[in-house]
Amino acid sequence: MDYQERITIEPDKRGGKPCIRGMRITVYDVLDYLASGMTEAEILADFPYLEAEDIRASLAFAADIERKLMAVPKL
């Protein structure tokens, strides 16, 4: 998924954290809800302005960041 159209980073919004479509809900918020056990349906019910594609974009963004992390070798 190309998350770049859904994930925005604006320095003056939420401290420059990655947000969903310019709104004040962050990728971290969405991932935290999923990690706490909320289902996609529950998240969408609690936040009607979100779309299923926003949740998938958050997951794709997190996967891309993880993929780009460099492993630090043990000394």
PDB file of N, CA and C in Angstrom:
ATOM      1  N   MET A   1       0.844  -1.186   0.000  1.00  0.00           N
ATOM      2  CA  MET A   1       0.000   0.000   0.000  1.00  0.00           C
ATOM      3  C   MET A   1       0.882   1.239   0.000  1.00  0.00           C
ATOM      4  N   ASP A   2       0.485   2.238  -0.772  1.00  0.00           N
ATOM      5  CA  ASP A   2       1.184   3.513  -0.781  1.00  0.00           C
ATOM      6  C   ASP A   2       0.545   4.407   0.273  1.00  0.00           C
ATOM      7  N   TYR A   3       1.171   4.462   1.430  1.00  0.00           N
ATOM      8  CA  TYR A   3       0.613   5.209   2.556  1.00  0.00           C
ATOM      9  C   TYR A   3       0.858   6.708   2.440  1.00  0.00           C
ATOM     10  N   GLN A   4       1.685   7.141   1.523  1.00  0.00           N
ATOM     11  CA  GLN A   4       2.113   8.534   1.468  1.00  0.00           C
ATOM     12  C   GLN A   4       0.982   9.521   1.206  1.00  0.00           C
ATOM     13  N   GLU A   5      -0.112   9.080   0.630  1.00  0.00           N
ATOM     14  CA  GLU A   5      -1.240   9.979   0.417  1.00  0.00           C
ATOM     15  C   GLU A   5      -2.110  10.110   1.659  1.00  0.00           C
ATOM     16  N   ARG A   6      -1.940   9.198   2.619  1.00  0.00           N
ATOM     17  CA  ARG A   6      -2.770   9.225   3.826  1.00  0.00           C
ATOM     18  C   ARG A   6      -2.016   9.662   5.078  1.00  0.00           C
ATOM     19  N   ILE A   7      -0.722   9.463   5.097  1.00  0.00           N
ATOM     20  CA  ILE A   7       0.078   9.824   6.269  1.00  0.00           C
ATOM     21  C   ILE A   7       0.761  11.159   5.981  1.00  0.00           C
ATOM     22  N   THR A   8       0.507  12.133   6.851  1.00  0.00           N
ATOM     23  CA  THR A   8       1.075  13.461   6.663  1.00  0.00           C
ATOM     24  C   THR A   8       1.942  13.831   7.861  1.00  0.00           C
ATOM     25  N   ILE A   9       2.959  14.611   7.596  1.00  0.00           N
ATOM     26  CA  ILE A   9       3.826  15.107   8.668  1.00  0.00           C
ATOM     27  C   ILE A   9       3.917  16.616   8.502  1.00  0.00           C
ATOM     28  N   GLU A  10       3.378  17.321   9.502  1.00  0.00           N
ATOM     29  CA  GLU A  10       3.387  18.776   9.498  1.00  0.00           C
ATOM     30  C   GLU A  10       4.038  19.250  10.792  1.00  0.00           C
ATOM     31  N   PRO A  11       5.072  20.084  10.691  1.00  0.00           N
ATOM     32  CA  PRO A  11       5.804  20.509  11.895  1.00  0.00           C
ATOM     33  C   PRO A  11       4.920  21.160  12.960  1.00  0.00           C
ATOM     34  N   ASP A  12       3.860  21.851  12.556  1.00  0.00           N
ATOM     35  CA  ASP A  12       3.018  22.564  13.519  1.00  0.00           C
ATOM     36  C   ASP A  12       1.819  21.750  14.007  1.00  0.00           C
ATOM     37  N   LYS A  13       1.757  20.501  13.635  1.00  0.00           N
ATOM     38  CA  LYS A  13       0.644  19.650  14.065  1.00  0.00           C
ATOM     39  C   LYS A  13       1.180  18.451  14.827  1.00  0.00           C
ATOM     40  N   ARG A  14       0.728  18.297  16.073  1.00  0.00           N
ATOM     41  CA  ARG A  14       1.117  17.176  16.947  1.00  0.00           C
ATOM     42  C   ARG A  14       2.636  17.011  17.015  1.00  0.00           C
ATOM     43  N   GLY A  15       3.337  18.145  17.018  1.00  0.00           N
ATOM     44  CA  GLY A  15       4.791  18.113  17.173  1.00  0.00           C
ATOM     45  C   GLY A  15       5.520  17.478  16.004  1.00  0.00           C
ATOM     46  N   GLY A  16       4.895  17.464  14.847  1.00  0.00           N
ATOM     47  CA  GLY A  16       5.540  16.889  13.673  1.00  0.00           C
ATOM     48  C   GLY A  16       5.433  15.376  13.580  1.00  0.00           C
ATOM     49  N   LYS A  17       4.606  14.782  14.444  1.00  0.00           N
ATOM     50  CA  LYS A  17       4.420  13.329  14.380  1.00  0.00           C
ATOM     51  C   LYS A  17       3.591  12.967  13.146  1.00  0.00           C
ATOM     52  N   PRO A  18       3.782  11.777  12.605  1.00  0.00           N
ATOM     53  CA  PRO A  18       2.991  11.345  11.455  1.00  0.00           C
ATOM     54  C   PRO A  18       1.508  11.244  11.833  1.00  0.00           C
ATOM     55  N   CYS A  19       0.665  11.918  11.070  1.00  0.00           N
ATOM     56  CA  CYS A  19      -0.772  11.963  11.333  1.00  0.00           C
ATOM     57  C   CYS A  19      -1.545  11.376  10.160  1.00  0.00           C
ATOM     58  N   ILE A  20      -2.808  11.125  10.414  1.00  0.00           N
ATOM     59  CA  ILE A  20      -3.696  10.582   9.387  1.00  0.00           C
ATOM     60  C   ILE A  20      -4.359  11.734   8.639  1.00  0.00           C
ATOM     61  N   ARG A  21      -4.090  11.828   7.346  1.00  0.00           N
ATOM     62  CA  ARG A  21      -4.721  12.785   6.441  1.00  0.00           C
ATOM     63  C   ARG A  21      -4.816  14.200   6.991  1.00  0.00           C
ATOM     64  N   GLY A  22      -3.769  14.668   7.657  1.00  0.00           N
ATOM     65  CA  GLY A  22      -3.741  16.038   8.152  1.00  0.00           C
ATOM     66  C   GLY A  22      -4.573  16.270   9.398  1.00  0.00           C
ATOM     67  N   MET A  23      -5.193  15.228   9.917  1.00  0.00           N
ATOM     68  CA  MET A  23      -5.988  15.358  11.139  1.00  0.00           C
ATOM     69  C   MET A  23      -5.062  15.289  12.345  1.00  0.00           C
ATOM     70  N   ARG A  24      -5.621  15.398  13.521  1.00  0.00           N
ATOM     71  CA  ARG A  24      -4.812  15.403  14.731  1.00  0.00           C
ATOM     72  C   ARG A  24      -4.648  14.008  15.343  1.00  0.00           C
ATOM     73  N   ILE A  25      -5.075  12.975  14.661  1.00  0.00           N
ATOM     74  CA  ILE A  25      -4.861  11.610  15.149  1.00  0.00           C
ATOM     75  C   ILE A  25      -3.587  11.074  14.495  1.00  0.00           C
ATOM     76  N   THR A  26      -2.706  10.547  15.343  1.00  0.00           N
ATOM     77  CA  THR A  26      -1.404  10.111  14.839  1.00  0.00           C
ATOM     78  C   THR A  26      -1.404   8.633  14.470  1.00  0.00           C
ATOM     79  N   VAL A  27      -0.395   8.281  13.704  1.00  0.00           N
ATOM     80  CA  VAL A  27      -0.165   6.870  13.384  1.00  0.00           C
ATOM     81  C   VAL A  27       0.022   6.103  14.689  1.00  0.00           C
ATOM     82  N   TYR A  28       0.769   6.685  15.624  1.00  0.00           N
ATOM     83  CA  TYR A  28       0.986   6.041  16.924  1.00  0.00           C
ATOM     84  C   TYR A  28      -0.348   5.745  17.613  1.00  0.00           C
ATOM     85  N   ASP A  29      -1.287   6.706  17.572  1.00  0.00           N
ATOM     86  CA  ASP A  29      -2.598   6.487  18.200  1.00  0.00           C
ATOM     87  C   ASP A  29      -3.263   5.240  17.628  1.00  0.00           C
ATOM     88  N   VAL A  30      -3.289   5.152  16.311  1.00  0.00           N
ATOM     89  CA  VAL A  30      -3.939   4.016  15.643  1.00  0.00           C
ATOM     90  C   VAL A  30      -3.234   2.711  16.008  1.00  0.00           C
ATOM     91  N   LEU A  31      -1.911   2.722  15.958  1.00  0.00           N
ATOM     92  CA  LEU A  31      -1.160   1.503  16.294  1.00  0.00           C
ATOM     93  C   LEU A  31      -1.364   1.116  17.760  1.00  0.00           C
ATOM     94  N   ASP A  32      -1.442   2.108  18.630  1.00  0.00           N
ATOM     95  CA  ASP A  32      -1.660   1.840  20.053  1.00  0.00           C
ATOM     96  C   ASP A  32      -3.034   1.217  20.283  1.00  0.00           C
ATOM     97  N   TYR A  33      -4.047   1.701  19.574  1.00  0.00           N
ATOM     98  CA  TYR A  33      -5.388   1.103  19.700  1.00  0.00           C
ATOM     99  C   TYR A  33      -5.371  -0.354  19.250  1.00  0.00           C
ATOM    100  N   LEU A  34      -4.709  -0.617  18.139  1.00  0.00           N
ATOM    101  CA  LEU A  34      -4.616  -1.994  17.653  1.00  0.00           C
ATOM    102  C   LEU A  34      -3.851  -2.874  18.641  1.00  0.00           C
ATOM    103  N   ALA A  35      -2.752  -2.354  19.168  1.00  0.00           N
ATOM    104  CA  ALA A  35      -1.936  -3.118  20.119  1.00  0.00           C
ATOM    105  C   ALA A  35      -2.683  -3.398  21.418  1.00  0.00           C
ATOM    106  N   SER A  36      -3.602  -2.507  21.779  1.00  0.00           N
ATOM    107  CA  SER A  36      -4.363  -2.710  23.016  1.00  0.00           C
ATOM    108  C   SER A  36      -5.500  -3.711  22.836  1.00  0.00           C
ATOM    109  N   GLY A  37      -5.703  -4.158  21.584  1.00  0.00           N
ATOM    110  CA  GLY A  37      -6.711  -5.181  21.345  1.00  0.00           C
ATOM    111  C   GLY A  37      -7.960  -4.694  20.633  1.00  0.00           C
ATOM    112  N   MET A  38      -8.033  -3.404  20.334  1.00  0.00           N
ATOM    113  CA  MET A  38      -9.197  -2.907  19.593  1.00  0.00           C
ATOM    114  C   MET A  38      -9.182  -3.492  18.182  1.00  0.00           C
ATOM    115  N   THR A  39     -10.340  -3.806  17.697  1.00  0.00           N
ATOM    116  CA  THR A  39     -10.448  -4.287  16.328  1.00  0.00           C
ATOM    117  C   THR A  39     -10.568  -3.086  15.387  1.00  0.00           C
ATOM    118  N   GLU A  40     -10.366  -3.349  14.110  1.00  0.00           N
ATOM    119  CA  GLU A  40     -10.539  -2.283  13.120  1.00  0.00           C
ATOM    120  C   GLU A  40     -11.949  -1.711  13.206  1.00  0.00           C
ATOM    121  N   ALA A  41     -12.940  -2.578  13.350  1.00  0.00           N
ATOM    122  CA  ALA A  41     -14.332  -2.130  13.433  1.00  0.00           C
ATOM    123  C   ALA A  41     -14.560  -1.230  14.649  1.00  0.00           C
ATOM    124  N   GLU A  42     -13.952  -1.571  15.773  1.00  0.00           N
ATOM    125  CA  GLU A  42     -14.101  -0.755  16.982  1.00  0.00           C
ATOM    126  C   GLU A  42     -13.457   0.619  16.801  1.00  0.00           C
ATOM    127  N   ILE A  43     -12.291   0.649  16.193  1.00  0.00           N
ATOM    128  CA  ILE A  43     -11.611   1.925  15.951  1.00  0.00           C
ATOM    129  C   ILE A  43     -12.464   2.798  15.030  1.00  0.00           C
ATOM    130  N   LEU A  44     -12.972   2.205  13.955  1.00  0.00           N
ATOM    131  CA  LEU A  44     -13.780   2.966  13.014  1.00  0.00           C
ATOM    132  C   LEU A  44     -15.086   3.448  13.649  1.00  0.00           C
ATOM    133  N   ALA A  45     -15.637   2.679  14.569  1.00  0.00           N
ATOM    134  CA  ALA A  45     -16.859   3.097  15.260  1.00  0.00           C
ATOM    135  C   ALA A  45     -16.575   4.249  16.219  1.00  0.00           C
ATOM    136  N   ASP A  46     -15.436   4.200  16.904  1.00  0.00           N
ATOM    137  CA  ASP A  46     -15.073   5.246  17.859  1.00  0.00           C
ATOM    138  C   ASP A  46     -14.608   6.523  17.167  1.00  0.00           C
ATOM    139  N   PHE A  47     -14.066   6.395  15.981  1.00  0.00           N
ATOM    140  CA  PHE A  47     -13.526   7.534  15.238  1.00  0.00           C
ATOM    141  C   PHE A  47     -14.121   7.516  13.824  1.00  0.00           C
ATOM    142  N   PRO A  48     -15.357   7.978  13.672  1.00  0.00           N
ATOM    143  CA  PRO A  48     -16.061   7.854  12.395  1.00  0.00           C
ATOM    144  C   PRO A  48     -15.404   8.613  11.240  1.00  0.00           C
ATOM    145  N   TYR A  49     -14.519   9.534  11.535  1.00  0.00           N
ATOM    146  CA  TYR A  49     -13.827  10.269  10.468  1.00  0.00           C
ATOM    147  C   TYR A  49     -12.660   9.468   9.892  1.00  0.00           C
ATOM    148  N   LEU A  50     -12.292   8.356  10.538  1.00  0.00           N
ATOM    149  CA  LEU A  50     -11.255   7.480   9.995  1.00  0.00           C
ATOM    150  C   LEU A  50     -11.871   6.502   8.998  1.00  0.00           C
ATOM    151  N   GLU A  51     -11.042   6.035   8.097  1.00  0.00           N
ATOM    152  CA  GLU A  51     -11.456   5.032   7.114  1.00  0.00           C
ATOM    153  C   GLU A  51     -10.567   3.805   7.261  1.00  0.00           C
ATOM    154  N   ALA A  52     -11.042   2.677   6.797  1.00  0.00           N
ATOM    155  CA  ALA A  52     -10.264   1.438   6.894  1.00  0.00           C
ATOM    156  C   ALA A  52      -8.901   1.606   6.242  1.00  0.00           C
ATOM    157  N   GLU A  53      -8.836   2.358   5.158  1.00  0.00           N
ATOM    158  CA  GLU A  53      -7.564   2.594   4.473  1.00  0.00           C
ATOM    159  C   GLU A  53      -6.577   3.347   5.355  1.00  0.00           C
ATOM    160  N   ASP A  54      -7.087   4.171   6.278  1.00  0.00           N
ATOM    161  CA  ASP A  54      -6.211   4.893   7.206  1.00  0.00           C
ATOM    162  C   ASP A  54      -5.499   3.927   8.148  1.00  0.00           C
ATOM    163  N   ILE A  55      -6.218   2.912   8.593  1.00  0.00           N
ATOM    164  CA  ILE A  55      -5.625   1.908   9.478  1.00  0.00           C
ATOM    165  C   ILE A  55      -4.561   1.111   8.724  1.00  0.00           C
ATOM    166  N   ARG A  56      -4.876   0.715   7.509  1.00  0.00           N
ATOM    167  CA  ARG A  56      -3.891  -0.017   6.703  1.00  0.00           C
ATOM    168  C   ARG A  56      -2.687   0.861   6.379  1.00  0.00           C
ATOM    169  N   ALA A  57      -2.917   2.142   6.141  1.00  0.00           N
ATOM    170  CA  ALA A  57      -1.803   3.060   5.875  1.00  0.00           C
ATOM    171  C   ALA A  57      -0.912   3.188   7.101  1.00  0.00           C
ATOM    172  N   SER A  58      -1.502   3.202   8.293  1.00  0.00           N
ATOM    173  CA  SER A  58      -0.714   3.276   9.531  1.00  0.00           C
ATOM    174  C   SER A  58       0.171   2.048   9.677  1.00  0.00           C
ATOM    175  N   LEU A  59      -0.392   0.888   9.387  1.00  0.00           N
ATOM    176  CA  LEU A  59       0.388  -0.352   9.456  1.00  0.00           C
ATOM    177  C   LEU A  59       1.498  -0.366   8.402  1.00  0.00           C
ATOM    178  N   ALA A  60       1.185   0.087   7.201  1.00  0.00           N
ATOM    179  CA  ALA A  60       2.192   0.126   6.136  1.00  0.00           C
ATOM    180  C   ALA A  60       3.310   1.111   6.484  1.00  0.00           C
ATOM    181  N   PHE A  61       2.948   2.241   7.064  1.00  0.00           N
ATOM    182  CA  PHE A  61       3.942   3.228   7.479  1.00  0.00           C
ATOM    183  C   PHE A  61       4.876   2.625   8.532  1.00  0.00           C
ATOM    184  N   ALA A  62       4.294   1.969   9.533  1.00  0.00           N
ATOM    185  CA  ALA A  62       5.099   1.354  10.599  1.00  0.00           C
ATOM    186  C   ALA A  62       6.011   0.272  10.031  1.00  0.00           C
ATOM    187  N   ALA A  63       5.505  -0.513   9.111  1.00  0.00           N
ATOM    188  CA  ALA A  63       6.324  -1.564   8.500  1.00  0.00           C
ATOM    189  C   ALA A  63       7.471  -0.956   7.710  1.00  0.00           C
ATOM    190  N   ASP A  64       7.214   0.138   7.020  1.00  0.00           N
ATOM    191  CA  ASP A  64       8.256   0.793   6.234  1.00  0.00           C
ATOM    192  C   ASP A  64       9.337   1.384   7.139  1.00  0.00           C
ATOM    193  N   ILE A  65       8.929   1.991   8.234  1.00  0.00           N
ATOM    194  CA  ILE A  65       9.896   2.543   9.192  1.00  0.00           C
ATOM    195  C   ILE A  65      10.747   1.418   9.773  1.00  0.00           C
ATOM    196  N   GLU A  66      10.120   0.319  10.144  1.00  0.00           N
ATOM    197  CA  GLU A  66      10.853  -0.828  10.697  1.00  0.00           C
ATOM    198  C   GLU A  66      11.849  -1.364   9.683  1.00  0.00           C
ATOM    199  N   ARG A  67      11.441  -1.445   8.451  1.00  0.00           N
ATOM    200  CA  ARG A  67      12.309  -1.963   7.390  1.00  0.00           C
ATOM    201  C   ARG A  67      13.540  -1.072   7.207  1.00  0.00           C
ATOM    202  N   LYS A  68      13.371   0.223   7.451  1.00  0.00           N
ATOM    203  CA  LYS A  68      14.459   1.181   7.238  1.00  0.00           C
ATOM    204  C   LYS A  68      15.394   1.306   8.435  1.00  0.00           C
ATOM    205  N   LEU A  69      15.004   0.761   9.581  1.00  0.00           N
ATOM    206  CA  LEU A  69      15.865   0.826  10.761  1.00  0.00           C
ATOM    207  C   LEU A  69      17.137   0.025  10.526  1.00  0.00           C
ATOM    208  N   MET A  70      18.220   0.565  10.986  1.00  0.00           N
ATOM    209  CA  MET A  70      19.489  -0.153  10.858  1.00  0.00           C
ATOM    210  C   MET A  70      19.760  -0.894  12.158  1.00  0.00           C
ATOM    211  N   ALA A  71      20.225  -2.089  12.030  1.00  0.00           N
ATOM    212  CA  ALA A  71      20.612  -2.873  13.198  1.00  0.00           C
ATOM    213  C   ALA A  71      21.984  -2.399  13.658  1.00  0.00           C
ATOM    214  N   VAL A  72      22.133  -2.252  14.953  1.00  0.00           N
ATOM    215  CA  VAL A  72      23.413  -1.850  15.509  1.00  0.00           C
ATOM    216  C   VAL A  72      24.152  -3.107  15.920  1.00  0.00           C
ATOM    217  N   PRO A  73      25.317  -3.354  15.350  1.00  0.00           N
ATOM    218  CA  PRO A  73      26.053  -4.571  15.697  1.00  0.00           C
ATOM    219  C   PRO A  73      26.573  -4.521  17.132  1.00  0.00           C
ATOM    220  N   LYS A  74      26.634  -5.689  17.744  1.00  0.00           N
ATOM    221  CA  LYS A  74      27.193  -5.777  19.101  1.00  0.00           C
ATOM    222  C   LYS A  74      28.691  -5.571  19.022  1.00  0.00           C
ATOM    223  N   LEU A  75      29.198  -4.931  20.016  1.00  0.00           N
ATOM    224  CA  LEU A  75      30.655  -4.710  20.055  1.00  0.00           C
ATOM    225  C   LEU A  75      31.367  -5.866  20.703  1.00  0.00           C
TER     226      LEU A  75
END
